[in-house]
Amino acid sequence: MADRFRGFLPVVIDVETAGFNPRTDALLEVAAVTLTMDENGYLMIDQSFDEAVDPFEGANLEQSALDFTGIDPFDPERNAIPEALALENIFKAIRKSIKAHNCKRAVLVGHNAAFDHSFIQAAAARTDAKRNPFHPFSTFDTATLAGLAYGQTVLARACDVADIDFDGKKAHSALYDTVKTAELFCAIVNRWKDLGGWDMVLESRQYDD
């Protein structure tokens, strides 16, 4: 794994929020899926983690965003926890996976990854999170990759072309969307391998040596 992504561990992230502004709008859910490789070099899902998050003090809650996700931030059945604790739990699990795979840092994988990355980084700064495992700006965006591989940029449509089951009724749950994004990312990386793309990279390394 460390060799495949230049020492970085791809970690799939999805967030559900109360708006589009990472500095002012509440982070409501965060989910992470770590990845691993089998003995044949194929990428696959390893573990998943998710947390419901209490809005930070003074957070903006856009009603249109809440209507879209269907999340009631103050529903006690969410079992939400403070933002700092949610990040601590997620980051700890990711750091453990980084170490297990002999990687040096995580790189965020997301569908329209800039959005998820911006909320994670803003929350980390807001809570003064220690040992943020993510690269400060690099990401893998499955919307872009799916556009290249399958001619689709919408998650549900890309999954359909990739022959990945997708239930629209479960969408906009952070964990569900993260798992589907992880399946899509793995499918794209593995398809590139099956088409001989990674073998070409390995061959070029031999010539460079």
N, C-alpha and C. Protein backbone atom coordinates (compact mmCIF):
# COMPACT_ATOMS: atom_id res chain seq x y z
N MET A 1 0.83 -1.21 0.00
CA MET A 1 0.00 0.00 0.00
C MET A 1 0.87 1.27 0.00
N ALA A 2 1.89 1.27 0.85
CA ALA A 2 2.75 2.45 0.93
C ALA A 2 3.41 2.74 -0.41
N ASP A 3 3.80 1.70 -1.14
CA ASP A 3 4.46 1.88 -2.43
C ASP A 3 3.48 2.37 -3.49
N ARG A 4 2.22 1.93 -3.41
CA ARG A 4 1.24 2.25 -4.44
C ARG A 4 0.90 3.74 -4.47
N PHE A 5 0.86 4.39 -3.30
CA PHE A 5 0.44 5.79 -3.25
C PHE A 5 1.52 6.68 -2.64
N ARG A 6 2.76 6.36 -2.92
CA ARG A 6 3.89 7.21 -2.54
C ARG A 6 3.93 7.49 -1.04
N GLY A 7 3.64 6.46 -0.26
CA GLY A 7 3.71 6.61 1.19
C GLY A 7 2.47 7.16 1.84
N PHE A 8 1.45 7.44 1.03
CA PHE A 8 0.19 7.96 1.58
C PHE A 8 -0.86 6.86 1.65
N LEU A 9 -1.67 6.90 2.69
CA LEU A 9 -2.79 5.98 2.84
C LEU A 9 -4.07 6.67 2.41
N PRO A 10 -4.75 6.18 1.36
CA PRO A 10 -6.03 6.78 0.99
C PRO A 10 -7.08 6.47 2.05
N VAL A 11 -7.74 7.50 2.55
CA VAL A 11 -8.82 7.34 3.53
C VAL A 11 -10.04 8.09 3.00
N VAL A 12 -11.13 7.37 2.85
CA VAL A 12 -12.34 7.95 2.27
C VAL A 12 -13.14 8.65 3.36
N ILE A 13 -13.54 9.88 3.06
CA ILE A 13 -14.26 10.70 4.04
C ILE A 13 -15.52 11.26 3.39
N ASP A 14 -16.59 11.28 4.17
CA ASP A 14 -17.78 12.04 3.78
C ASP A 14 -18.29 12.78 5.00
N VAL A 15 -18.72 14.02 4.80
CA VAL A 15 -19.30 14.81 5.87
C VAL A 15 -20.71 15.23 5.47
N GLU A 16 -21.56 15.35 6.47
CA GLU A 16 -22.87 15.97 6.30
C GLU A 16 -22.85 17.24 7.14
N THR A 17 -23.33 18.33 6.55
CA THR A 17 -23.17 19.64 7.17
C THR A 17 -24.47 20.44 7.12
N ALA A 18 -24.44 21.58 7.80
CA ALA A 18 -25.60 22.47 7.82
C ALA A 18 -25.38 23.66 6.91
N GLY A 19 -24.63 23.48 5.85
CA GLY A 19 -24.37 24.55 4.91
C GLY A 19 -23.12 24.29 4.12
N PHE A 20 -22.66 25.30 3.38
CA PHE A 20 -21.52 25.15 2.49
C PHE A 20 -20.25 25.83 2.99
N ASN A 21 -20.37 26.63 4.04
CA ASN A 21 -19.21 27.38 4.53
C ASN A 21 -18.56 26.63 5.68
N PRO A 22 -17.35 26.11 5.50
CA PRO A 22 -16.73 25.28 6.55
C PRO A 22 -16.36 26.06 7.81
N ARG A 23 -16.26 27.37 7.69
CA ARG A 23 -15.88 28.17 8.86
C ARG A 23 -17.08 28.55 9.72
N THR A 24 -18.25 28.66 9.11
CA THR A 24 -19.41 29.15 9.87
C THR A 24 -20.52 28.12 10.02
N ASP A 25 -20.59 27.13 9.15
CA ASP A 25 -21.71 26.18 9.15
C ASP A 25 -21.32 24.89 9.89
N ALA A 26 -22.31 24.30 10.55
CA ALA A 26 -22.06 23.17 11.44
C ALA A 26 -21.67 21.91 10.68
N LEU A 27 -20.72 21.19 11.24
CA LEU A 27 -20.42 19.82 10.84
C LEU A 27 -21.32 18.91 11.65
N LEU A 28 -22.13 18.07 10.98
CA LEU A 28 -23.15 17.27 11.67
C LEU A 28 -22.85 15.78 11.68
N GLU A 29 -22.18 15.28 10.66
CA GLU A 29 -21.79 13.88 10.61
C GLU A 29 -20.44 13.78 9.91
N VAL A 30 -19.62 12.86 10.36
CA VAL A 30 -18.37 12.56 9.66
C VAL A 30 -18.18 11.05 9.67
N ALA A 31 -17.79 10.51 8.52
CA ALA A 31 -17.53 9.08 8.41
C ALA A 31 -16.22 8.88 7.66
N ALA A 32 -15.53 7.81 8.02
CA ALA A 32 -14.25 7.48 7.40
C ALA A 32 -14.22 5.99 7.07
N VAL A 33 -13.65 5.67 5.92
CA VAL A 33 -13.40 4.28 5.54
C VAL A 33 -11.92 4.16 5.20
N THR A 34 -11.23 3.28 5.91
CA THR A 34 -9.83 3.01 5.60
C THR A 34 -9.76 1.88 4.58
N LEU A 35 -8.70 1.88 3.81
CA LEU A 35 -8.52 0.91 2.73
C LEU A 35 -7.29 0.06 2.97
N THR A 36 -7.27 -1.09 2.34
CA THR A 36 -6.12 -1.98 2.41
C THR A 36 -5.97 -2.67 1.07
N MET A 37 -4.94 -3.50 0.92
CA MET A 37 -4.71 -4.24 -0.31
C MET A 37 -4.66 -5.73 -0.02
N ASP A 38 -5.18 -6.52 -0.95
CA ASP A 38 -5.06 -7.97 -0.80
C ASP A 38 -3.69 -8.42 -1.33
N GLU A 39 -3.47 -9.73 -1.28
CA GLU A 39 -2.16 -10.26 -1.65
C GLU A 39 -1.85 -10.08 -3.13
N ASN A 40 -2.88 -9.79 -3.93
CA ASN A 40 -2.68 -9.58 -5.37
C ASN A 40 -2.59 -8.11 -5.76
N GLY A 41 -2.59 -7.25 -4.77
CA GLY A 41 -2.45 -5.83 -5.05
C GLY A 41 -3.74 -5.12 -5.38
N TYR A 42 -4.87 -5.72 -5.06
CA TYR A 42 -6.16 -5.07 -5.32
C TYR A 42 -6.63 -4.31 -4.07
N LEU A 43 -7.10 -3.11 -4.31
CA LEU A 43 -7.56 -2.23 -3.24
C LEU A 43 -8.93 -2.68 -2.74
N MET A 44 -9.14 -2.63 -1.43
CA MET A 44 -10.41 -3.06 -0.85
C MET A 44 -10.66 -2.31 0.46
N ILE A 45 -11.93 -2.31 0.86
CA ILE A 45 -12.31 -1.66 2.11
C ILE A 45 -11.75 -2.44 3.29
N ASP A 46 -11.25 -1.69 4.26
CA ASP A 46 -10.71 -2.29 5.48
C ASP A 46 -11.68 -2.08 6.64
N GLN A 47 -11.76 -0.86 7.18
CA GLN A 47 -12.64 -0.58 8.31
C GLN A 47 -13.42 0.71 8.07
N SER A 48 -14.52 0.87 8.81
CA SER A 48 -15.32 2.09 8.71
C SER A 48 -15.60 2.64 10.10
N PHE A 49 -15.70 3.96 10.16
CA PHE A 49 -15.94 4.67 11.42
C PHE A 49 -16.86 5.85 11.13
N ASP A 50 -17.75 6.15 12.05
CA ASP A 50 -18.61 7.32 11.85
C ASP A 50 -19.02 7.90 13.18
N GLU A 51 -19.27 9.21 13.16
CA GLU A 51 -19.70 9.93 14.35
C GLU A 51 -20.76 10.96 13.95
N ALA A 52 -21.80 11.07 14.78
CA ALA A 52 -22.73 12.19 14.71
C ALA A 52 -22.15 13.31 15.57
N VAL A 53 -22.25 14.53 15.09
CA VAL A 53 -21.53 15.65 15.71
C VAL A 53 -22.51 16.72 16.16
N ASP A 54 -22.31 17.20 17.40
CA ASP A 54 -23.07 18.35 17.89
C ASP A 54 -22.61 19.61 17.16
N PRO A 55 -23.52 20.49 16.77
CA PRO A 55 -23.09 21.76 16.18
C PRO A 55 -22.20 22.52 17.16
N PHE A 56 -21.12 23.09 16.66
CA PHE A 56 -20.25 23.88 17.54
C PHE A 56 -20.97 25.15 17.97
N GLU A 57 -20.52 25.71 19.08
CA GLU A 57 -21.18 26.90 19.63
C GLU A 57 -21.16 28.04 18.61
N GLY A 58 -22.35 28.58 18.34
CA GLY A 58 -22.47 29.69 17.40
C GLY A 58 -22.54 29.26 15.95
N ALA A 59 -22.61 27.96 15.69
CA ALA A 59 -22.63 27.46 14.31
C ALA A 59 -23.90 27.90 13.59
N ASN A 60 -23.74 28.18 12.31
CA ASN A 60 -24.89 28.49 11.47
C ASN A 60 -25.55 27.19 11.01
N LEU A 61 -26.88 27.19 11.01
CA LEU A 61 -27.65 26.02 10.57
C LEU A 61 -28.59 26.46 9.45
N GLU A 62 -28.19 26.20 8.23
CA GLU A 62 -29.02 26.57 7.08
C GLU A 62 -30.18 25.58 6.96
N GLN A 63 -31.40 26.07 7.01
CA GLN A 63 -32.55 25.19 6.97
C GLN A 63 -32.61 24.40 5.67
N SER A 64 -32.20 25.01 4.57
CA SER A 64 -32.23 24.31 3.29
C SER A 64 -31.29 23.10 3.31
N ALA A 65 -30.15 23.23 3.98
CA ALA A 65 -29.21 22.12 4.08
C ALA A 65 -29.78 21.02 4.97
N LEU A 66 -30.43 21.40 6.06
CA LEU A 66 -31.04 20.40 6.95
C LEU A 66 -32.18 19.67 6.25
N ASP A 67 -32.94 20.39 5.45
CA ASP A 67 -34.02 19.75 4.69
C ASP A 67 -33.45 18.76 3.68
N PHE A 68 -32.32 19.10 3.09
CA PHE A 68 -31.69 18.24 2.08
C PHE A 68 -31.19 16.95 2.69
N THR A 69 -30.52 17.05 3.85
CA THR A 69 -29.96 15.86 4.47
C THR A 69 -30.96 15.10 5.33
N GLY A 70 -31.99 15.81 5.79
CA GLY A 70 -32.96 15.17 6.69
C GLY A 70 -32.46 15.04 8.11
N ILE A 71 -31.39 15.75 8.46
CA ILE A 71 -30.81 15.66 9.79
C ILE A 71 -31.42 16.71 10.70
N ASP A 72 -31.87 16.29 11.88
CA ASP A 72 -32.27 17.20 12.95
C ASP A 72 -31.09 17.29 13.91
N PRO A 73 -30.36 18.40 13.93
CA PRO A 73 -29.15 18.47 14.75
C PRO A 73 -29.39 18.24 16.24
N PHE A 74 -30.62 18.45 16.69
CA PHE A 74 -30.90 18.38 18.12
C PHE A 74 -31.70 17.14 18.50
N ASP A 75 -31.79 16.19 17.60
CA ASP A 75 -32.46 14.92 17.89
C ASP A 75 -31.59 14.11 18.84
N PRO A 76 -32.07 13.80 20.05
CA PRO A 76 -31.23 13.06 21.00
C PRO A 76 -30.89 11.65 20.53
N GLU A 77 -31.67 11.10 19.63
CA GLU A 77 -31.40 9.75 19.14
C GLU A 77 -30.21 9.69 18.19
N ARG A 78 -29.71 10.85 17.80
CA ARG A 78 -28.49 10.88 16.99
C ARG A 78 -27.27 10.44 17.79
N ASN A 79 -27.36 10.57 19.12
CA ASN A 79 -26.21 10.26 19.99
C ASN A 79 -24.97 11.04 19.56
N ALA A 80 -25.19 12.31 19.27
CA ALA A 80 -24.11 13.16 18.80
C ALA A 80 -23.14 13.49 19.93
N ILE A 81 -21.89 13.72 19.55
CA ILE A 81 -20.84 14.06 20.49
C ILE A 81 -20.18 15.36 20.06
N PRO A 82 -19.46 16.03 20.96
CA PRO A 82 -18.79 17.28 20.58
C PRO A 82 -17.83 17.10 19.41
N GLU A 83 -17.70 18.14 18.65
CA GLU A 83 -16.87 18.11 17.44
C GLU A 83 -15.44 17.66 17.74
N ALA A 84 -14.87 18.17 18.82
CA ALA A 84 -13.48 17.82 19.16
C ALA A 84 -13.33 16.32 19.42
N LEU A 85 -14.29 15.74 20.13
CA LEU A 85 -14.22 14.31 20.43
C LEU A 85 -14.44 13.48 19.17
N ALA A 86 -15.35 13.93 18.31
CA ALA A 86 -15.60 13.21 17.06
C ALA A 86 -14.33 13.14 16.21
N LEU A 87 -13.65 14.28 16.07
CA LEU A 87 -12.42 14.29 15.30
C LEU A 87 -11.34 13.45 15.97
N GLU A 88 -11.25 13.52 17.28
CA GLU A 88 -10.25 12.73 17.99
C GLU A 88 -10.44 11.24 17.72
N ASN A 89 -11.70 10.79 17.76
CA ASN A 89 -11.98 9.37 17.53
C ASN A 89 -11.63 8.95 16.10
N ILE A 90 -12.04 9.77 15.14
CA ILE A 90 -11.80 9.46 13.73
C ILE A 90 -10.29 9.52 13.43
N PHE A 91 -9.63 10.55 13.90
CA PHE A 91 -8.20 10.72 13.62
C PHE A 91 -7.38 9.59 14.26
N LYS A 92 -7.76 9.18 15.45
CA LYS A 92 -7.03 8.10 16.12
C LYS A 92 -7.09 6.81 15.31
N ALA A 93 -8.29 6.48 14.80
CA ALA A 93 -8.46 5.27 14.00
C ALA A 93 -7.65 5.36 12.71
N ILE A 94 -7.61 6.54 12.10
CA ILE A 94 -6.86 6.72 10.86
C ILE A 94 -5.35 6.60 11.11
N ARG A 95 -4.88 7.21 12.17
CA ARG A 95 -3.45 7.11 12.48
C ARG A 95 -3.03 5.66 12.72
N LYS A 96 -3.90 4.89 13.35
CA LYS A 96 -3.61 3.47 13.58
C LYS A 96 -3.48 2.74 12.25
N SER A 97 -4.34 3.05 11.29
CA SER A 97 -4.28 2.42 9.99
C SER A 97 -3.04 2.86 9.21
N ILE A 98 -2.67 4.12 9.33
CA ILE A 98 -1.46 4.62 8.69
C ILE A 98 -0.25 3.82 9.16
N LYS A 99 -0.16 3.64 10.46
CA LYS A 99 0.96 2.90 11.04
C LYS A 99 0.94 1.45 10.58
N ALA A 100 -0.24 0.82 10.56
CA ALA A 100 -0.33 -0.58 10.17
C ALA A 100 0.10 -0.82 8.73
N HIS A 101 -0.05 0.20 7.88
CA HIS A 101 0.30 0.07 6.46
C HIS A 101 1.66 0.69 6.13
N ASN A 102 2.40 1.07 7.16
CA ASN A 102 3.73 1.65 6.97
C ASN A 102 3.70 2.90 6.08
N CYS A 103 2.63 3.67 6.22
CA CYS A 103 2.51 4.91 5.48
C CYS A 103 2.92 6.08 6.37
N LYS A 104 3.09 7.23 5.75
CA LYS A 104 3.54 8.40 6.52
C LYS A 104 2.42 9.40 6.79
N ARG A 105 1.35 9.34 5.99
CA ARG A 105 0.26 10.28 6.17
C ARG A 105 -0.95 9.78 5.40
N ALA A 106 -2.12 10.32 5.73
CA ALA A 106 -3.33 9.98 4.99
C ALA A 106 -3.60 11.04 3.94
N VAL A 107 -4.20 10.61 2.85
CA VAL A 107 -4.70 11.56 1.85
C VAL A 107 -6.20 11.32 1.73
N LEU A 108 -6.96 12.39 1.80
CA LEU A 108 -8.42 12.29 1.81
C LEU A 108 -8.95 11.94 0.43
N VAL A 109 -9.81 10.93 0.40
CA VAL A 109 -10.55 10.56 -0.80
C VAL A 109 -12.01 10.98 -0.57
N GLY A 110 -12.57 11.69 -1.51
CA GLY A 110 -13.96 12.11 -1.35
C GLY A 110 -14.61 12.35 -2.69
N HIS A 111 -15.94 12.36 -2.70
CA HIS A 111 -16.67 12.69 -3.91
C HIS A 111 -16.96 14.18 -3.87
N ASN A 112 -16.28 14.93 -4.76
CA ASN A 112 -16.13 16.38 -4.63
C ASN A 112 -15.33 16.64 -3.35
N ALA A 113 -14.12 16.13 -3.36
CA ALA A 113 -13.29 16.03 -2.16
C ALA A 113 -12.96 17.38 -1.53
N ALA A 114 -12.92 18.43 -2.32
CA ALA A 114 -12.58 19.75 -1.76
C ALA A 114 -13.57 20.15 -0.67
N PHE A 115 -14.84 19.78 -0.84
CA PHE A 115 -15.86 20.11 0.15
C PHE A 115 -15.58 19.41 1.47
N ASP A 116 -15.40 18.10 1.42
CA ASP A 116 -15.15 17.32 2.64
C ASP A 116 -13.84 17.74 3.30
N HIS A 117 -12.82 17.94 2.48
CA HIS A 117 -11.51 18.34 3.00
C HIS A 117 -11.60 19.68 3.72
N SER A 118 -12.35 20.62 3.16
CA SER A 118 -12.44 21.95 3.76
C SER A 118 -13.12 21.89 5.13
N PHE A 119 -14.15 21.06 5.26
CA PHE A 119 -14.84 20.95 6.56
C PHE A 119 -13.98 20.23 7.59
N ILE A 120 -13.25 19.20 7.17
CA ILE A 120 -12.37 18.50 8.11
C ILE A 120 -11.26 19.43 8.59
N GLN A 121 -10.66 20.15 7.68
CA GLN A 121 -9.56 21.03 8.05
C GLN A 121 -10.05 22.18 8.93
N ALA A 122 -11.23 22.72 8.61
CA ALA A 122 -11.77 23.82 9.42
C ALA A 122 -12.12 23.34 10.82
N ALA A 123 -12.71 22.16 10.92
CA ALA A 123 -13.05 21.60 12.24
C ALA A 123 -11.79 21.31 13.05
N ALA A 124 -10.75 20.80 12.37
CA ALA A 124 -9.49 20.51 13.06
C ALA A 124 -8.87 21.80 13.60
N ALA A 125 -8.94 22.86 12.82
CA ALA A 125 -8.40 24.15 13.27
C ALA A 125 -9.24 24.72 14.41
N ARG A 126 -10.55 24.60 14.28
CA ARG A 126 -11.47 25.16 15.28
C ARG A 126 -11.30 24.49 16.64
N THR A 127 -11.04 23.19 16.63
CA THR A 127 -10.92 22.42 17.87
C THR A 127 -9.47 22.25 18.32
N ASP A 128 -8.54 22.85 17.56
CA ASP A 128 -7.12 22.71 17.86
C ASP A 128 -6.74 21.23 17.94
N ALA A 129 -7.21 20.46 16.95
CA ALA A 129 -6.97 19.02 16.94
C ALA A 129 -5.49 18.72 16.82
N LYS A 130 -5.04 17.77 17.60
CA LYS A 130 -3.64 17.38 17.57
C LYS A 130 -3.43 16.24 16.57
N ARG A 131 -2.32 16.28 15.87
CA ARG A 131 -1.88 15.20 14.98
C ARG A 131 -2.94 14.89 13.92
N ASN A 132 -3.37 15.92 13.22
CA ASN A 132 -4.27 15.74 12.09
C ASN A 132 -3.57 14.86 11.06
N PRO A 133 -4.13 13.68 10.72
CA PRO A 133 -3.40 12.74 9.86
C PRO A 133 -3.43 13.10 8.39
N PHE A 134 -4.27 14.06 8.00
CA PHE A 134 -4.47 14.32 6.57
C PHE A 134 -3.47 15.30 6.00
N HIS A 135 -3.10 15.05 4.74
CA HIS A 135 -2.30 16.02 4.00
C HIS A 135 -3.07 17.34 3.96
N PRO A 136 -2.37 18.46 4.10
CA PRO A 136 -3.08 19.74 4.22
C PRO A 136 -3.81 20.21 2.97
N PHE A 137 -3.44 19.68 1.79
CA PHE A 137 -4.15 20.14 0.60
C PHE A 137 -4.37 19.06 -0.46
N SER A 138 -3.60 17.99 -0.48
CA SER A 138 -3.77 16.97 -1.52
C SER A 138 -4.98 16.09 -1.22
N THR A 139 -5.72 15.72 -2.27
CA THR A 139 -6.88 14.84 -2.16
C THR A 139 -6.98 13.97 -3.41
N PHE A 140 -7.77 12.91 -3.32
CA PHE A 140 -8.23 12.16 -4.48
C PHE A 140 -9.74 12.41 -4.61
N ASP A 141 -10.14 12.94 -5.75
CA ASP A 141 -11.56 13.29 -5.97
C ASP A 141 -12.21 12.25 -6.87
N THR A 142 -13.15 11.48 -6.32
CA THR A 142 -13.79 10.44 -7.13
C THR A 142 -14.75 11.01 -8.17
N ALA A 143 -15.21 12.24 -8.00
CA ALA A 143 -16.03 12.84 -9.06
C ALA A 143 -15.19 13.01 -10.33
N THR A 144 -13.98 13.49 -10.17
CA THR A 144 -13.07 13.64 -11.30
C THR A 144 -12.65 12.29 -11.86
N LEU A 145 -12.26 11.37 -10.98
CA LEU A 145 -11.82 10.05 -11.42
C LEU A 145 -12.93 9.29 -12.12
N ALA A 146 -14.16 9.40 -11.60
CA ALA A 146 -15.29 8.70 -12.22
C ALA A 146 -15.64 9.31 -13.57
N GLY A 147 -15.44 10.62 -13.69
CA GLY A 147 -15.66 11.25 -14.99
C GLY A 147 -14.70 10.69 -16.04
N LEU A 148 -13.46 10.46 -15.62
CA LEU A 148 -12.47 9.86 -16.51
C LEU A 148 -12.78 8.40 -16.80
N ALA A 149 -13.06 7.62 -15.75
CA ALA A 149 -13.19 6.17 -15.89
C ALA A 149 -14.54 5.74 -16.45
N TYR A 150 -15.61 6.46 -16.07
CA TYR A 150 -16.97 6.00 -16.40
C TYR A 150 -17.83 7.04 -17.12
N GLY A 151 -17.31 8.24 -17.31
CA GLY A 151 -18.09 9.26 -17.98
C GLY A 151 -19.21 9.83 -17.14
N GLN A 152 -19.15 9.63 -15.83
CA GLN A 152 -20.17 10.13 -14.91
C GLN A 152 -19.49 10.80 -13.72
N THR A 153 -20.10 11.91 -13.25
CA THR A 153 -19.54 12.61 -12.10
C THR A 153 -20.45 12.58 -10.88
N VAL A 154 -21.73 12.26 -11.06
CA VAL A 154 -22.65 12.12 -9.94
C VAL A 154 -22.41 10.75 -9.30
N LEU A 155 -22.35 10.70 -7.97
CA LEU A 155 -21.98 9.47 -7.28
C LEU A 155 -22.91 8.31 -7.64
N ALA A 156 -24.21 8.53 -7.58
CA ALA A 156 -25.16 7.45 -7.85
C ALA A 156 -25.02 6.94 -9.29
N ARG A 157 -24.82 7.83 -10.24
CA ARG A 157 -24.71 7.44 -11.64
C ARG A 157 -23.38 6.73 -11.91
N ALA A 158 -22.32 7.21 -11.27
CA ALA A 158 -21.03 6.55 -11.44
C ALA A 158 -21.07 5.14 -10.86
N CYS A 159 -21.72 4.99 -9.71
CA CYS A 159 -21.85 3.66 -9.11
C CYS A 159 -22.64 2.73 -10.02
N ASP A 160 -23.66 3.26 -10.66
CA ASP A 160 -24.48 2.45 -11.56
C ASP A 160 -23.64 1.93 -12.72
N VAL A 161 -22.84 2.80 -13.33
CA VAL A 161 -22.00 2.38 -14.44
C VAL A 161 -20.93 1.39 -13.98
N ALA A 162 -20.46 1.57 -12.74
CA ALA A 162 -19.43 0.69 -12.20
C ALA A 162 -20.01 -0.60 -11.63
N ASP A 163 -21.32 -0.77 -11.76
CA ASP A 163 -22.01 -1.97 -11.26
C ASP A 163 -21.90 -2.09 -9.74
N ILE A 164 -22.04 -0.94 -9.08
CA ILE A 164 -22.06 -0.88 -7.61
C ILE A 164 -23.48 -0.54 -7.17
N ASP A 165 -24.07 -1.35 -6.31
CA ASP A 165 -25.42 -1.08 -5.83
C ASP A 165 -25.46 0.26 -5.12
N PHE A 166 -26.50 1.05 -5.40
CA PHE A 166 -26.65 2.35 -4.76
C PHE A 166 -28.12 2.58 -4.46
N ASP A 167 -28.44 2.77 -3.19
CA ASP A 167 -29.81 3.01 -2.74
C ASP A 167 -29.98 4.49 -2.45
N GLY A 168 -30.70 5.18 -3.31
CA GLY A 168 -30.88 6.62 -3.16
C GLY A 168 -31.55 7.01 -1.86
N LYS A 169 -32.33 6.10 -1.28
CA LYS A 169 -33.02 6.40 -0.02
C LYS A 169 -32.03 6.45 1.15
N LYS A 170 -30.88 5.82 0.98
CA LYS A 170 -29.87 5.82 2.05
C LYS A 170 -28.82 6.90 1.85
N ALA A 171 -28.87 7.58 0.71
CA ALA A 171 -27.89 8.62 0.42
C ALA A 171 -28.02 9.77 1.42
N HIS A 172 -26.95 10.53 1.54
CA HIS A 172 -26.86 11.67 2.46
C HIS A 172 -26.81 11.24 3.92
N SER A 173 -26.52 9.97 4.14
CA SER A 173 -25.97 9.52 5.41
C SER A 173 -24.47 9.47 5.20
N ALA A 174 -23.70 10.06 6.11
CA ALA A 174 -22.26 10.14 5.89
C ALA A 174 -21.64 8.76 5.71
N LEU A 175 -22.06 7.80 6.54
CA LEU A 175 -21.45 6.47 6.46
C LEU A 175 -21.80 5.80 5.14
N TYR A 176 -23.06 5.86 4.71
CA TYR A 176 -23.46 5.21 3.47
C TYR A 176 -22.70 5.82 2.28
N ASP A 177 -22.67 7.14 2.22
CA ASP A 177 -21.99 7.79 1.10
C ASP A 177 -20.49 7.49 1.12
N THR A 178 -19.91 7.38 2.31
CA THR A 178 -18.48 7.07 2.39
C THR A 178 -18.18 5.67 1.87
N VAL A 179 -19.01 4.71 2.27
CA VAL A 179 -18.81 3.34 1.80
C VAL A 179 -18.94 3.26 0.28
N LYS A 180 -19.93 3.93 -0.28
CA LYS A 180 -20.12 3.90 -1.73
C LYS A 180 -18.98 4.61 -2.46
N THR A 181 -18.52 5.70 -1.88
CA THR A 181 -17.37 6.39 -2.47
C THR A 181 -16.13 5.50 -2.41
N ALA A 182 -15.97 4.78 -1.31
CA ALA A 182 -14.83 3.85 -1.18
C ALA A 182 -14.92 2.74 -2.21
N GLU A 183 -16.11 2.18 -2.40
CA GLU A 183 -16.28 1.13 -3.39
C GLU A 183 -15.96 1.65 -4.79
N LEU A 184 -16.37 2.88 -5.06
CA LEU A 184 -16.11 3.47 -6.37
C LEU A 184 -14.60 3.72 -6.57
N PHE A 185 -13.95 4.26 -5.57
CA PHE A 185 -12.51 4.51 -5.67
C PHE A 185 -11.75 3.21 -5.89
N CYS A 186 -12.09 2.19 -5.12
CA CYS A 186 -11.44 0.88 -5.29
C CYS A 186 -11.67 0.34 -6.70
N ALA A 187 -12.91 0.48 -7.20
CA ALA A 187 -13.22 -0.03 -8.53
C ALA A 187 -12.37 0.66 -9.60
N ILE A 188 -12.18 1.97 -9.46
CA ILE A 188 -11.40 2.72 -10.45
C ILE A 188 -9.92 2.32 -10.39
N VAL A 189 -9.37 2.27 -9.18
CA VAL A 189 -7.96 1.89 -9.02
C VAL A 189 -7.72 0.46 -9.51
N ASN A 190 -8.64 -0.43 -9.17
CA ASN A 190 -8.48 -1.84 -9.57
C ASN A 190 -8.67 -2.03 -11.07
N ARG A 191 -9.56 -1.23 -11.66
CA ARG A 191 -9.75 -1.31 -13.11
C ARG A 191 -8.48 -0.86 -13.83
N TRP A 192 -7.86 0.19 -13.33
CA TRP A 192 -6.60 0.67 -13.90
C TRP A 192 -5.54 -0.42 -13.83
N LYS A 193 -5.52 -1.14 -12.73
CA LYS A 193 -4.58 -2.25 -12.59
C LYS A 193 -4.89 -3.35 -13.61
N ASP A 194 -6.17 -3.71 -13.74
CA ASP A 194 -6.55 -4.78 -14.68
C ASP A 194 -6.24 -4.40 -16.13
N LEU A 195 -6.30 -3.12 -16.43
CA LEU A 195 -6.00 -2.66 -17.79
C LEU A 195 -4.50 -2.56 -18.06
N GLY A 196 -3.70 -2.85 -17.05
CA GLY A 196 -2.26 -2.84 -17.23
C GLY A 196 -1.58 -1.53 -16.90
N GLY A 197 -2.36 -0.56 -16.39
CA GLY A 197 -1.78 0.75 -16.12
C GLY A 197 -0.71 0.73 -15.05
N TRP A 198 -0.96 0.00 -13.97
CA TRP A 198 0.02 -0.03 -12.89
C TRP A 198 1.26 -0.82 -13.31
N ASP A 199 1.08 -1.84 -14.12
CA ASP A 199 2.23 -2.59 -14.63
C ASP A 199 3.15 -1.69 -15.45
N MET A 200 2.54 -0.78 -16.22
CA MET A 200 3.36 0.15 -17.00
C MET A 200 4.19 1.05 -16.09
N VAL A 201 3.60 1.45 -14.98
CA VAL A 201 4.33 2.28 -14.02
C VAL A 201 5.52 1.51 -13.45
N LEU A 202 5.27 0.26 -13.07
CA LEU A 202 6.34 -0.57 -12.51
C LEU A 202 7.45 -0.80 -13.53
N GLU A 203 7.07 -1.00 -14.78
CA GLU A 203 8.07 -1.21 -15.83
C GLU A 203 8.91 0.05 -16.04
N SER A 204 8.27 1.21 -16.02
CA SER A 204 9.00 2.46 -16.20
C SER A 204 9.98 2.68 -15.06
N ARG A 205 9.63 2.24 -13.84
CA ARG A 205 10.54 2.35 -12.72
C ARG A 205 11.79 1.51 -12.94
N GLN A 206 11.60 0.34 -13.52
CA GLN A 206 12.74 -0.54 -13.78
C GLN A 206 13.70 0.11 -14.76
N TYR A 207 13.14 0.78 -15.78
CA TYR A 207 14.00 1.45 -16.76
C TYR A 207 14.72 2.64 -16.13
N ASP A 208 14.04 3.32 -15.19
CA ASP A 208 14.65 4.47 -14.52
C ASP A 208 15.83 4.02 -13.66
N ASP A 209 15.65 2.81 -13.05
CA ASP A 209 16.72 2.27 -12.21
C ASP A 209 17.93 1.85 -13.05
